[in-house]
Amino acid sequence: MTPQPKNKLKNNSAGFSLIEVAIAIVVIGLITSFTLKGKELIHTAKLRSVIEQVNSFRIAVQAFMEKYGSMPGDLVAANDMIGSAVENGRGDGAIASIDDSRRFWKHLGASDIIHLEMNNGHPTCKIGGYYSVSTNIAGYPGTWIILSGGTEDNKRFSGIISQEDAYFIDKNSDTGDPSTGDVITLRASDTAAIGPKYDIKNKNQDCIIMFKIF
């Protein structure tokens, strides 16, 4: 009878080789890299959707003004021209309160010019938060769409976006300068300008971002 090799059992029960371990580490690294890259791409797509959404608002507001001869929320004859469920505006050209802002979006949505997904009277955003409107922002004349967080009834601003993400939106739709142009980024805590340039290393979601309509 031919004797069996003494090390056969040892060879059959041996663990992973160094090559197998190295391959496993490479595969895990690739999976992790792809996962992180996928999350980054999804986040970038959401930031681009903010730009697209705001542009759609601007186009819709222009179409509303051409159709009705008034800014949304300010149309005096809204009840007759848009529908009986719509509150009339004051006709003074001002959007100066949360109720004025809600009326702005109500007029725009009820006109059927644009479809709006609303929460507490304001359109929602894919990165979170909501869009309000104001003509009453000290130091920034004009009419502005404001993206912020807020309370459940949207009565006050809170931070919704980081300086890093605000810079991405700003440079892809305006000047890339936080304090000039048609895109302005402010600190939510005191609605003050963040400075002459973005701190793209700052990932704290403590800012609000505004977009000028006209």
N, C-alpha and C. Protein backbone atom coordinates (compact mmCIF):
# COMPACT_ATOMS: atom_id res chain seq x y z
N MET A 1 0.85 -1.20 0.00
CA MET A 1 0.00 0.00 0.00
C MET A 1 0.89 1.24 0.00
N THR A 2 0.57 2.13 -0.92
CA THR A 2 1.41 3.33 -1.07
C THR A 2 1.08 4.33 0.02
N PRO A 3 2.05 4.78 0.79
CA PRO A 3 1.77 5.75 1.87
C PRO A 3 1.34 7.11 1.31
N GLN A 4 0.38 7.76 1.98
CA GLN A 4 -0.10 9.08 1.57
C GLN A 4 0.87 10.14 2.05
N PRO A 5 1.01 11.24 1.28
CA PRO A 5 1.88 12.34 1.72
C PRO A 5 1.43 12.87 3.07
N LYS A 6 2.40 13.10 3.96
CA LYS A 6 2.06 13.53 5.30
C LYS A 6 1.40 14.90 5.35
N ASN A 7 1.71 15.72 4.36
CA ASN A 7 1.21 17.10 4.41
C ASN A 7 -0.06 17.31 3.60
N LYS A 8 -0.72 16.24 3.14
CA LYS A 8 -1.90 16.43 2.30
C LYS A 8 -3.03 17.10 3.07
N LEU A 9 -3.30 16.61 4.29
CA LEU A 9 -4.35 17.20 5.10
C LEU A 9 -4.05 18.66 5.40
N LYS A 10 -2.78 18.93 5.66
CA LYS A 10 -2.38 20.31 5.95
C LYS A 10 -2.61 21.22 4.76
N ASN A 11 -2.28 20.75 3.54
CA ASN A 11 -2.46 21.56 2.35
C ASN A 11 -3.94 21.82 2.06
N ASN A 12 -4.78 20.80 2.31
CA ASN A 12 -6.21 20.95 2.02
C ASN A 12 -6.89 21.91 2.99
N SER A 13 -6.36 22.03 4.19
CA SER A 13 -7.01 22.86 5.20
C SER A 13 -6.32 24.21 5.37
N ALA A 14 -5.38 24.51 4.46
CA ALA A 14 -4.66 25.78 4.58
C ALA A 14 -5.58 26.96 4.38
N GLY A 15 -5.29 28.14 5.00
CA GLY A 15 -6.09 29.35 4.85
C GLY A 15 -5.82 30.04 3.52
N PHE A 16 -6.33 31.32 3.42
CA PHE A 16 -6.11 32.08 2.20
C PHE A 16 -4.63 32.37 2.01
N SER A 17 -4.21 32.35 0.77
CA SER A 17 -2.84 32.73 0.46
C SER A 17 -2.72 34.25 0.48
N LEU A 18 -1.52 34.75 0.50
CA LEU A 18 -1.30 36.19 0.47
C LEU A 18 -1.86 36.81 -0.80
N ILE A 19 -1.79 36.10 -1.90
CA ILE A 19 -2.32 36.60 -3.17
C ILE A 19 -3.83 36.74 -3.09
N GLU A 20 -4.49 35.74 -2.49
CA GLU A 20 -5.95 35.78 -2.36
C GLU A 20 -6.39 36.92 -1.45
N VAL A 21 -5.65 37.12 -0.37
CA VAL A 21 -5.96 38.22 0.55
C VAL A 21 -5.78 39.56 -0.16
N ALA A 22 -4.71 39.68 -0.93
CA ALA A 22 -4.44 40.92 -1.66
C ALA A 22 -5.55 41.21 -2.67
N ILE A 23 -6.01 40.18 -3.37
CA ILE A 23 -7.09 40.36 -4.35
C ILE A 23 -8.37 40.80 -3.65
N ALA A 24 -8.67 40.18 -2.50
CA ALA A 24 -9.87 40.54 -1.75
C ALA A 24 -9.82 42.00 -1.31
N ILE A 25 -8.63 42.44 -0.86
CA ILE A 25 -8.48 43.83 -0.42
C ILE A 25 -8.70 44.79 -1.59
N VAL A 26 -8.16 44.45 -2.75
CA VAL A 26 -8.34 45.29 -3.94
C VAL A 26 -9.81 45.37 -4.32
N VAL A 27 -10.52 44.23 -4.30
CA VAL A 27 -11.94 44.20 -4.66
C VAL A 27 -12.75 45.05 -3.69
N ILE A 28 -12.48 44.91 -2.38
CA ILE A 28 -13.20 45.71 -1.38
C ILE A 28 -12.93 47.20 -1.60
N GLY A 29 -11.67 47.53 -1.91
CA GLY A 29 -11.33 48.93 -2.18
C GLY A 29 -12.07 49.49 -3.37
N LEU A 30 -12.19 48.68 -4.42
CA LEU A 30 -12.91 49.13 -5.62
C LEU A 30 -14.39 49.34 -5.33
N ILE A 31 -14.98 48.40 -4.58
CA ILE A 31 -16.40 48.53 -4.23
C ILE A 31 -16.64 49.79 -3.41
N THR A 32 -15.76 50.04 -2.43
CA THR A 32 -15.88 51.25 -1.60
C THR A 32 -15.74 52.51 -2.45
N SER A 33 -14.78 52.50 -3.36
CA SER A 33 -14.55 53.66 -4.23
C SER A 33 -15.75 53.93 -5.11
N PHE A 34 -16.32 52.87 -5.69
CA PHE A 34 -17.49 53.04 -6.56
C PHE A 34 -18.69 53.54 -5.76
N THR A 35 -18.84 53.05 -4.52
CA THR A 35 -19.95 53.48 -3.68
C THR A 35 -19.85 54.96 -3.36
N LEU A 36 -18.64 55.40 -2.97
CA LEU A 36 -18.43 56.81 -2.65
C LEU A 36 -18.62 57.68 -3.88
N LYS A 37 -18.11 57.22 -5.04
CA LYS A 37 -18.26 57.98 -6.27
C LYS A 37 -19.73 58.09 -6.66
N GLY A 38 -20.48 56.99 -6.44
CA GLY A 38 -21.91 57.01 -6.75
C GLY A 38 -22.65 58.02 -5.90
N LYS A 39 -22.31 58.08 -4.61
CA LYS A 39 -22.96 59.05 -3.72
C LYS A 39 -22.62 60.48 -4.15
N GLU A 40 -21.36 60.68 -4.56
CA GLU A 40 -20.94 62.01 -5.02
C GLU A 40 -21.70 62.43 -6.27
N LEU A 41 -21.89 61.49 -7.19
CA LEU A 41 -22.62 61.79 -8.43
C LEU A 41 -24.08 62.12 -8.14
N ILE A 42 -24.68 61.39 -7.20
CA ILE A 42 -26.07 61.64 -6.83
C ILE A 42 -26.20 63.03 -6.20
N HIS A 43 -25.24 63.37 -5.32
CA HIS A 43 -25.28 64.68 -4.67
C HIS A 43 -25.09 65.81 -5.69
N THR A 44 -24.18 65.62 -6.62
CA THR A 44 -23.95 66.62 -7.66
C THR A 44 -25.20 66.80 -8.51
N ALA A 45 -25.89 65.70 -8.82
CA ALA A 45 -27.13 65.78 -9.60
C ALA A 45 -28.19 66.57 -8.85
N LYS A 46 -28.25 66.41 -7.53
CA LYS A 46 -29.21 67.18 -6.73
C LYS A 46 -28.88 68.67 -6.75
N LEU A 47 -27.59 69.00 -6.69
CA LEU A 47 -27.20 70.42 -6.75
C LEU A 47 -27.55 71.01 -8.11
N ARG A 48 -27.33 70.25 -9.18
CA ARG A 48 -27.70 70.73 -10.51
C ARG A 48 -29.21 70.90 -10.62
N SER A 49 -29.96 70.06 -9.91
CA SER A 49 -31.42 70.17 -9.97
C SER A 49 -31.90 71.48 -9.34
N VAL A 50 -31.13 72.01 -8.37
CA VAL A 50 -31.47 73.31 -7.78
C VAL A 50 -31.39 74.39 -8.86
N ILE A 51 -30.32 74.37 -9.63
CA ILE A 51 -30.15 75.35 -10.71
C ILE A 51 -31.28 75.24 -11.71
N GLU A 52 -31.63 74.01 -12.11
CA GLU A 52 -32.70 73.80 -13.08
C GLU A 52 -34.04 74.25 -12.52
N GLN A 53 -34.29 73.95 -11.23
CA GLN A 53 -35.55 74.33 -10.61
C GLN A 53 -35.71 75.84 -10.54
N VAL A 54 -34.65 76.52 -10.12
CA VAL A 54 -34.71 77.98 -10.03
C VAL A 54 -34.90 78.59 -11.42
N ASN A 55 -34.23 78.06 -12.43
CA ASN A 55 -34.43 78.57 -13.79
C ASN A 55 -35.87 78.38 -14.24
N SER A 56 -36.48 77.25 -13.86
CA SER A 56 -37.88 77.02 -14.23
C SER A 56 -38.79 78.02 -13.53
N PHE A 57 -38.45 78.38 -12.28
CA PHE A 57 -39.23 79.41 -11.57
C PHE A 57 -39.13 80.75 -12.30
N ARG A 58 -37.92 81.12 -12.68
CA ARG A 58 -37.72 82.40 -13.36
C ARG A 58 -38.53 82.47 -14.65
N ILE A 59 -38.48 81.40 -15.43
CA ILE A 59 -39.24 81.36 -16.69
C ILE A 59 -40.73 81.45 -16.42
N ALA A 60 -41.20 80.73 -15.40
CA ALA A 60 -42.62 80.73 -15.07
C ALA A 60 -43.08 82.11 -14.60
N VAL A 61 -42.25 82.77 -13.78
CA VAL A 61 -42.61 84.12 -13.30
C VAL A 61 -42.71 85.09 -14.48
N GLN A 62 -41.77 85.01 -15.40
CA GLN A 62 -41.81 85.88 -16.58
C GLN A 62 -43.07 85.62 -17.41
N ALA A 63 -43.41 84.34 -17.57
CA ALA A 63 -44.62 83.99 -18.32
C ALA A 63 -45.87 84.50 -17.61
N PHE A 64 -45.88 84.42 -16.28
CA PHE A 64 -47.02 84.91 -15.50
C PHE A 64 -47.19 86.40 -15.70
N MET A 65 -46.08 87.14 -15.61
CA MET A 65 -46.15 88.60 -15.74
C MET A 65 -46.59 89.01 -17.14
N GLU A 66 -46.16 88.27 -18.15
CA GLU A 66 -46.59 88.57 -19.51
C GLU A 66 -48.08 88.28 -19.70
N LYS A 67 -48.56 87.24 -19.03
CA LYS A 67 -49.97 86.84 -19.17
C LYS A 67 -50.92 87.74 -18.38
N TYR A 68 -50.53 88.10 -17.14
CA TYR A 68 -51.44 88.81 -16.24
C TYR A 68 -51.05 90.27 -15.99
N GLY A 69 -49.86 90.66 -16.43
CA GLY A 69 -49.43 92.05 -16.22
C GLY A 69 -49.10 92.38 -14.79
N SER A 70 -48.75 91.37 -14.00
CA SER A 70 -48.44 91.59 -12.59
C SER A 70 -47.54 90.47 -12.09
N MET A 71 -46.79 90.76 -11.05
CA MET A 71 -45.99 89.74 -10.40
C MET A 71 -46.90 88.77 -9.64
N PRO A 72 -46.57 87.48 -9.62
CA PRO A 72 -47.35 86.55 -8.79
C PRO A 72 -47.39 87.02 -7.34
N GLY A 73 -48.51 86.83 -6.70
CA GLY A 73 -48.66 87.27 -5.32
C GLY A 73 -49.11 88.70 -5.18
N ASP A 74 -48.96 89.47 -6.25
CA ASP A 74 -49.29 90.90 -6.21
C ASP A 74 -50.49 91.24 -7.09
N LEU A 75 -51.00 90.25 -7.80
CA LEU A 75 -52.09 90.47 -8.76
C LEU A 75 -53.39 90.83 -8.03
N VAL A 76 -53.85 92.05 -8.23
CA VAL A 76 -55.03 92.55 -7.52
C VAL A 76 -56.29 91.77 -7.90
N ALA A 77 -56.41 91.41 -9.17
CA ALA A 77 -57.62 90.72 -9.65
C ALA A 77 -57.41 89.20 -9.77
N ALA A 78 -56.56 88.63 -8.92
CA ALA A 78 -56.25 87.20 -9.01
C ALA A 78 -57.50 86.34 -8.85
N ASN A 79 -58.40 86.75 -7.99
CA ASN A 79 -59.62 85.99 -7.75
C ASN A 79 -60.45 85.83 -9.01
N ASP A 80 -60.51 86.88 -9.80
CA ASP A 80 -61.28 86.84 -11.05
C ASP A 80 -60.47 86.22 -12.19
N MET A 81 -59.18 86.52 -12.27
CA MET A 81 -58.39 86.13 -13.43
C MET A 81 -57.83 84.70 -13.33
N ILE A 82 -57.59 84.24 -12.10
CA ILE A 82 -56.99 82.91 -11.93
C ILE A 82 -58.01 81.90 -11.39
N GLY A 83 -58.74 82.28 -10.34
CA GLY A 83 -59.73 81.37 -9.78
C GLY A 83 -60.26 81.86 -8.45
N SER A 84 -61.44 81.39 -8.09
CA SER A 84 -62.10 81.88 -6.89
C SER A 84 -61.38 81.46 -5.61
N ALA A 85 -60.53 80.43 -5.69
CA ALA A 85 -59.82 79.96 -4.50
C ALA A 85 -58.53 80.74 -4.25
N VAL A 86 -58.24 81.69 -5.12
CA VAL A 86 -56.98 82.43 -5.04
C VAL A 86 -57.21 83.81 -4.41
N GLU A 87 -56.40 84.13 -3.43
CA GLU A 87 -56.50 85.42 -2.76
C GLU A 87 -55.92 86.53 -3.63
N ASN A 88 -56.58 87.67 -3.64
CA ASN A 88 -56.08 88.83 -4.39
C ASN A 88 -54.81 89.40 -3.76
N GLY A 89 -53.93 89.91 -4.61
CA GLY A 89 -52.75 90.61 -4.12
C GLY A 89 -53.05 92.07 -3.83
N ARG A 90 -52.06 92.77 -3.29
CA ARG A 90 -52.27 94.17 -2.92
C ARG A 90 -51.95 95.14 -4.04
N GLY A 91 -51.14 94.71 -5.01
CA GLY A 91 -50.79 95.59 -6.11
C GLY A 91 -49.73 96.62 -5.77
N ASP A 92 -48.95 96.37 -4.70
CA ASP A 92 -47.94 97.35 -4.29
C ASP A 92 -46.52 96.92 -4.68
N GLY A 93 -46.40 95.78 -5.36
CA GLY A 93 -45.08 95.33 -5.82
C GLY A 93 -44.19 94.74 -4.74
N ALA A 94 -44.73 94.48 -3.54
CA ALA A 94 -43.91 94.01 -2.42
C ALA A 94 -44.28 92.58 -2.03
N ILE A 95 -43.25 91.79 -1.79
CA ILE A 95 -43.41 90.47 -1.17
C ILE A 95 -42.60 90.55 0.12
N ALA A 96 -43.26 90.95 1.19
CA ALA A 96 -42.53 91.35 2.39
C ALA A 96 -42.82 90.49 3.61
N SER A 97 -43.64 89.46 3.48
CA SER A 97 -43.97 88.62 4.63
C SER A 97 -44.12 87.18 4.19
N ILE A 98 -44.22 86.27 5.17
CA ILE A 98 -44.39 84.86 4.84
C ILE A 98 -45.72 84.63 4.13
N ASP A 99 -46.75 85.41 4.50
CA ASP A 99 -48.04 85.29 3.83
C ASP A 99 -47.96 85.77 2.38
N ASP A 100 -47.20 86.85 2.16
CA ASP A 100 -47.00 87.33 0.79
C ASP A 100 -46.28 86.26 -0.05
N SER A 101 -45.29 85.61 0.57
CA SER A 101 -44.54 84.58 -0.14
C SER A 101 -45.44 83.41 -0.52
N ARG A 102 -46.28 82.99 0.42
CA ARG A 102 -47.22 81.89 0.12
C ARG A 102 -48.17 82.29 -1.00
N ARG A 103 -48.63 83.54 -0.98
CA ARG A 103 -49.56 84.01 -2.02
C ARG A 103 -48.85 84.04 -3.38
N PHE A 104 -47.56 84.40 -3.39
CA PHE A 104 -46.77 84.39 -4.63
C PHE A 104 -46.81 83.01 -5.27
N TRP A 105 -46.50 81.97 -4.47
CA TRP A 105 -46.47 80.62 -5.02
C TRP A 105 -47.86 80.10 -5.35
N LYS A 106 -48.85 80.54 -4.57
CA LYS A 106 -50.24 80.14 -4.84
C LYS A 106 -50.69 80.68 -6.19
N HIS A 107 -50.42 81.94 -6.46
CA HIS A 107 -50.77 82.53 -7.76
C HIS A 107 -50.06 81.79 -8.89
N LEU A 108 -48.77 81.55 -8.70
CA LEU A 108 -47.98 80.93 -9.77
C LEU A 108 -48.46 79.51 -10.06
N GLY A 109 -48.69 78.73 -8.99
CA GLY A 109 -49.13 77.36 -9.18
C GLY A 109 -50.53 77.26 -9.73
N ALA A 110 -51.43 78.13 -9.26
CA ALA A 110 -52.83 78.09 -9.71
C ALA A 110 -52.99 78.54 -11.15
N SER A 111 -52.00 79.25 -11.68
CA SER A 111 -52.07 79.72 -13.06
C SER A 111 -51.85 78.62 -14.08
N ASP A 112 -51.41 77.44 -13.61
CA ASP A 112 -51.12 76.28 -14.47
C ASP A 112 -49.93 76.52 -15.41
N ILE A 113 -49.14 77.54 -15.14
CA ILE A 113 -47.93 77.78 -15.94
C ILE A 113 -46.84 76.78 -15.56
N ILE A 114 -46.81 76.41 -14.28
CA ILE A 114 -45.79 75.49 -13.78
C ILE A 114 -46.41 74.62 -12.70
N HIS A 115 -45.96 73.37 -12.63
CA HIS A 115 -46.40 72.48 -11.56
C HIS A 115 -45.46 72.64 -10.38
N LEU A 116 -46.01 72.83 -9.18
CA LEU A 116 -45.21 73.03 -7.99
C LEU A 116 -45.55 71.98 -6.94
N GLU A 117 -44.52 71.30 -6.40
CA GLU A 117 -44.70 70.39 -5.28
C GLU A 117 -44.50 71.21 -4.00
N MET A 118 -45.59 71.38 -3.25
CA MET A 118 -45.59 72.35 -2.16
C MET A 118 -45.60 71.68 -0.79
N ASN A 119 -45.06 72.40 0.19
CA ASN A 119 -45.14 72.02 1.59
C ASN A 119 -45.35 73.29 2.40
N ASN A 120 -46.48 73.36 3.11
CA ASN A 120 -46.82 74.56 3.88
C ASN A 120 -46.77 75.83 3.02
N GLY A 121 -47.24 75.69 1.80
CA GLY A 121 -47.36 76.86 0.93
C GLY A 121 -46.14 77.24 0.15
N HIS A 122 -45.08 76.44 0.21
CA HIS A 122 -43.84 76.75 -0.51
C HIS A 122 -43.33 75.53 -1.27
N PRO A 123 -42.71 75.73 -2.44
CA PRO A 123 -42.13 74.61 -3.18
C PRO A 123 -40.98 73.98 -2.40
N THR A 124 -40.87 72.66 -2.49
CA THR A 124 -39.79 71.95 -1.84
C THR A 124 -38.61 71.75 -2.79
N CYS A 125 -37.46 71.46 -2.20
CA CYS A 125 -36.22 71.29 -2.97
C CYS A 125 -35.67 69.89 -2.76
N LYS A 126 -35.00 69.34 -3.78
CA LYS A 126 -34.47 67.98 -3.69
C LYS A 126 -33.34 67.83 -2.69
N ILE A 127 -32.66 68.91 -2.36
CA ILE A 127 -31.60 68.81 -1.36
C ILE A 127 -32.14 69.10 0.04
N GLY A 128 -33.46 69.29 0.13
CA GLY A 128 -34.08 69.62 1.40
C GLY A 128 -34.48 71.09 1.45
N GLY A 129 -35.31 71.43 2.43
CA GLY A 129 -35.71 72.82 2.58
C GLY A 129 -36.81 73.23 1.61
N TYR A 130 -36.98 74.53 1.49
CA TYR A 130 -38.07 75.08 0.69
C TYR A 130 -37.64 76.41 0.08
N TYR A 131 -38.40 76.85 -0.92
CA TYR A 131 -38.15 78.13 -1.59
C TYR A 131 -39.18 79.15 -1.14
N SER A 132 -38.72 80.25 -0.58
CA SER A 132 -39.59 81.39 -0.29
C SER A 132 -39.22 82.53 -1.23
N VAL A 133 -39.95 83.63 -1.12
CA VAL A 133 -39.72 84.79 -1.99
C VAL A 133 -39.78 86.06 -1.15
N SER A 134 -38.92 87.03 -1.46
CA SER A 134 -38.96 88.30 -0.73
C SER A 134 -38.42 89.43 -1.59
N THR A 135 -39.01 90.60 -1.39
CA THR A 135 -38.46 91.85 -1.96
C THR A 135 -37.93 92.73 -0.83
N ASN A 136 -37.88 92.15 0.38
CA ASN A 136 -37.60 92.94 1.58
C ASN A 136 -36.32 92.46 2.26
N ILE A 137 -35.22 92.37 1.50
CA ILE A 137 -33.96 91.91 2.06
C ILE A 137 -32.99 93.10 2.07
N ALA A 138 -32.62 93.54 3.25
CA ALA A 138 -31.78 94.74 3.39
C ALA A 138 -30.46 94.58 2.64
N GLY A 139 -30.15 95.58 1.81
CA GLY A 139 -28.90 95.59 1.07
C GLY A 139 -28.94 94.86 -0.25
N TYR A 140 -30.08 94.21 -0.54
CA TYR A 140 -30.19 93.45 -1.79
C TYR A 140 -31.50 93.80 -2.48
N PRO A 141 -31.52 94.89 -3.23
CA PRO A 141 -32.76 95.29 -3.92
C PRO A 141 -33.15 94.26 -4.97
N GLY A 142 -34.44 94.20 -5.23
CA GLY A 142 -34.95 93.26 -6.22
C GLY A 142 -35.83 92.21 -5.58
N THR A 143 -36.25 91.26 -6.38
CA THR A 143 -37.08 90.16 -5.90
C THR A 143 -36.25 88.88 -5.93
N TRP A 144 -36.20 88.19 -4.79
CA TRP A 144 -35.31 87.05 -4.61
C TRP A 144 -36.07 85.79 -4.23
N ILE A 145 -35.67 84.67 -4.85
CA ILE A 145 -36.08 83.35 -4.40
C ILE A 145 -35.04 82.89 -3.39
N ILE A 146 -35.48 82.42 -2.24
CA ILE A 146 -34.57 82.07 -1.15
C ILE A 146 -34.72 80.59 -0.81
N LEU A 147 -33.60 79.86 -0.88
CA LEU A 147 -33.60 78.45 -0.49
C LEU A 147 -33.05 78.34 0.93
N SER A 148 -33.86 77.81 1.82
CA SER A 148 -33.44 77.68 3.22
C SER A 148 -34.15 76.50 3.85
N GLY A 149 -33.75 76.19 5.09
CA GLY A 149 -34.51 75.26 5.90
C GLY A 149 -35.56 76.07 6.63
N GLY A 150 -36.03 75.59 7.74
CA GLY A 150 -36.99 76.38 8.48
C GLY A 150 -37.83 75.54 9.41
N THR A 151 -38.74 76.18 10.08
CA THR A 151 -39.66 75.49 10.96
C THR A 151 -40.73 74.79 10.12
N GLU A 152 -41.57 74.02 10.79
CA GLU A 152 -42.60 73.28 10.07
C GLU A 152 -43.56 74.20 9.32
N ASP A 153 -43.74 75.42 9.82
CA ASP A 153 -44.64 76.34 9.14
C ASP A 153 -43.88 77.36 8.29
N ASN A 154 -42.57 77.13 8.10
CA ASN A 154 -41.75 77.98 7.23
C ASN A 154 -41.78 79.46 7.64
N LYS A 155 -41.70 79.72 8.91
CA LYS A 155 -41.79 81.11 9.35
C LYS A 155 -40.43 81.80 9.51
N ARG A 156 -39.38 81.04 9.56
CA ARG A 156 -38.06 81.68 9.67
C ARG A 156 -37.01 80.83 8.97
N PHE A 157 -35.92 81.48 8.62
CA PHE A 157 -34.84 80.82 7.88
C PHE A 157 -33.99 79.94 8.81
N SER A 158 -33.45 78.89 8.26
CA SER A 158 -32.38 78.14 8.91
C SER A 158 -31.45 77.63 7.83
N GLY A 159 -30.22 77.28 8.22
CA GLY A 159 -29.25 76.83 7.23
C GLY A 159 -29.68 75.56 6.52
N ILE A 160 -29.38 75.48 5.23
CA ILE A 160 -29.75 74.32 4.44
C ILE A 160 -28.61 73.86 3.55
N ILE A 161 -27.58 74.71 3.39
CA ILE A 161 -26.56 74.40 2.40
C ILE A 161 -25.18 74.80 2.91
N SER A 162 -24.16 74.06 2.53
CA SER A 162 -22.79 74.39 2.93
C SER A 162 -22.19 75.38 1.93
N GLN A 163 -21.10 76.02 2.35
CA GLN A 163 -20.42 76.93 1.42
C GLN A 163 -19.87 76.16 0.22
N GLU A 164 -19.43 74.94 0.45
CA GLU A 164 -18.92 74.12 -0.65
C GLU A 164 -20.00 73.90 -1.71
N ASP A 165 -21.21 73.52 -1.27
CA ASP A 165 -22.29 73.27 -2.22
C ASP A 165 -22.82 74.56 -2.83
N ALA A 166 -22.85 75.63 -2.02
CA ALA A 166 -23.30 76.93 -2.54
C ALA A 166 -22.35 77.41 -3.64
N TYR A 167 -21.05 77.16 -3.46
CA TYR A 167 -20.08 77.56 -4.47
C TYR A 167 -20.33 76.80 -5.78
N PHE A 168 -20.63 75.52 -5.67
CA PHE A 168 -20.92 74.73 -6.88
C PHE A 168 -22.10 75.33 -7.64
N ILE A 169 -23.17 75.64 -6.92
CA ILE A 169 -24.36 76.21 -7.55
C ILE A 169 -24.05 77.59 -8.14
N ASP A 170 -23.34 78.41 -7.37
CA ASP A 170 -23.04 79.78 -7.80
C ASP A 170 -22.15 79.79 -9.04
N LYS A 171 -21.08 79.02 -9.04
CA LYS A 171 -20.15 79.06 -10.18
C LYS A 171 -20.74 78.45 -11.43
N ASN A 172 -21.75 77.58 -11.27
CA ASN A 172 -22.39 76.96 -12.44
C ASN A 172 -23.63 77.71 -12.92
N SER A 173 -23.98 78.80 -12.22
CA SER A 173 -25.15 79.56 -12.65
C SER A 173 -24.95 81.07 -12.59
N ASP A 174 -23.82 81.51 -11.99
CA ASP A 174 -23.62 82.96 -11.85
C ASP A 174 -22.12 83.26 -11.78
N THR A 175 -21.72 84.17 -10.91
CA THR A 175 -20.35 84.66 -10.87
C THR A 175 -19.40 83.81 -10.05
N GLY A 176 -19.93 82.98 -9.14
CA GLY A 176 -19.07 82.24 -8.23
C GLY A 176 -18.60 83.07 -7.05
N ASP A 177 -19.11 84.31 -6.95
CA ASP A 177 -18.80 85.22 -5.84
C ASP A 177 -20.00 85.23 -4.90
N PRO A 178 -19.82 84.95 -3.60
CA PRO A 178 -20.97 84.81 -2.70
C PRO A 178 -21.74 86.10 -2.43
N SER A 179 -21.14 87.25 -2.70
CA SER A 179 -21.77 88.51 -2.30
C SER A 179 -22.16 89.41 -3.47
N THR A 180 -21.96 88.96 -4.71
CA THR A 180 -22.35 89.77 -5.86
C THR A 180 -23.07 88.91 -6.89
N GLY A 181 -23.75 89.60 -7.82
CA GLY A 181 -24.42 88.90 -8.90
C GLY A 181 -25.84 88.53 -8.57
N ASP A 182 -26.37 87.55 -9.29
CA ASP A 182 -27.76 87.12 -9.13
C ASP A 182 -27.90 85.90 -8.23
N VAL A 183 -26.78 85.44 -7.68
CA VAL A 183 -26.81 84.36 -6.68
C VAL A 183 -26.00 84.83 -5.48
N ILE A 184 -26.66 84.91 -4.33
CA ILE A 184 -26.02 85.43 -3.11
C ILE A 184 -26.15 84.37 -2.01
N THR A 185 -25.07 84.16 -1.27
CA THR A 185 -25.11 83.22 -0.14
C THR A 185 -24.89 83.98 1.16
N LEU A 186 -25.76 83.72 2.14
CA LEU A 186 -25.73 84.40 3.43
C LEU A 186 -25.66 83.39 4.56
N ARG A 187 -25.14 83.83 5.70
CA ARG A 187 -25.23 83.01 6.90
C ARG A 187 -26.67 83.01 7.39
N ALA A 188 -27.18 81.86 7.72
CA ALA A 188 -28.57 81.78 8.16
C ALA A 188 -28.77 82.44 9.52
N SER A 189 -27.74 82.42 10.36
CA SER A 189 -27.89 82.90 11.73
C SER A 189 -28.21 84.39 11.81
N ASP A 190 -27.59 85.18 10.92
CA ASP A 190 -27.81 86.62 10.98
C ASP A 190 -28.07 87.23 9.61
N THR A 191 -28.32 86.37 8.60
CA THR A 191 -28.52 86.79 7.20
C THR A 191 -27.47 87.80 6.76
N ALA A 192 -26.22 87.57 7.17
CA ALA A 192 -25.10 88.43 6.78
C ALA A 192 -24.28 87.73 5.70
N ALA A 193 -23.61 88.53 4.87
CA ALA A 193 -22.76 87.97 3.81
C ALA A 193 -21.64 87.14 4.42
N ILE A 194 -21.23 86.08 3.73
CA ILE A 194 -20.20 85.20 4.28
C ILE A 194 -18.79 85.69 4.00
N GLY A 195 -18.65 86.73 3.18
CA GLY A 195 -17.32 87.26 2.89
C GLY A 195 -17.07 87.36 1.40
N PRO A 196 -15.85 87.72 1.01
CA PRO A 196 -15.55 87.95 -0.40
C PRO A 196 -15.45 86.68 -1.24
N LYS A 197 -15.25 85.52 -0.58
CA LYS A 197 -15.17 84.28 -1.35
C LYS A 197 -15.64 83.10 -0.50
N TYR A 198 -15.98 82.03 -1.18
CA TYR A 198 -16.46 80.84 -0.49
C TYR A 198 -15.31 80.09 0.18
N ASP A 199 -15.58 79.52 1.33
CA ASP A 199 -14.65 78.60 1.98
C ASP A 199 -15.13 77.19 1.61
N ILE A 200 -14.58 76.64 0.54
CA ILE A 200 -15.09 75.36 0.02
C ILE A 200 -14.72 74.18 0.91
N LYS A 201 -13.85 74.40 1.91
CA LYS A 201 -13.56 73.35 2.88
C LYS A 201 -14.63 73.29 3.97
N ASN A 202 -15.44 74.32 4.04
CA ASN A 202 -16.48 74.39 5.06
C ASN A 202 -17.70 73.59 4.60
N LYS A 203 -17.97 72.49 5.27
CA LYS A 203 -19.08 71.62 4.88
C LYS A 203 -20.27 71.75 5.82
N ASN A 204 -20.22 72.74 6.72
CA ASN A 204 -21.34 72.96 7.63
C ASN A 204 -22.55 73.51 6.85
N GLN A 205 -23.69 72.94 7.06
CA GLN A 205 -24.90 73.38 6.35
C GLN A 205 -25.55 74.53 7.12
N ASP A 206 -24.89 75.67 7.12
CA ASP A 206 -25.32 76.81 7.92
C ASP A 206 -25.60 78.04 7.07
N CYS A 207 -25.84 77.86 5.79
CA CYS A 207 -26.06 79.00 4.89
C CYS A 207 -27.41 78.89 4.20
N ILE A 208 -27.89 80.04 3.75
CA ILE A 208 -29.02 80.10 2.83
C ILE A 208 -28.50 80.69 1.53
N ILE A 209 -29.17 80.37 0.44
CA ILE A 209 -28.73 80.87 -0.86
C ILE A 209 -29.92 81.52 -1.56
N MET A 210 -29.68 82.67 -2.19
CA MET A 210 -30.74 83.45 -2.80
C MET A 210 -30.48 83.60 -4.31
N PHE A 211 -31.57 83.65 -5.06
CA PHE A 211 -31.50 83.77 -6.51
C PHE A 211 -32.39 84.94 -6.95
N LYS A 212 -31.80 85.90 -7.63
CA LYS A 212 -32.56 87.08 -8.05
C LYS A 212 -33.43 86.76 -9.25
N ILE A 213 -34.70 87.15 -9.17
CA ILE A 213 -35.63 86.95 -10.30
C ILE A 213 -35.56 88.18 -11.20
N PHE A 214 -35.69 89.35 -10.61
CA PHE A 214 -35.59 90.62 -11.34
C PHE A 214 -35.37 91.75 -10.37
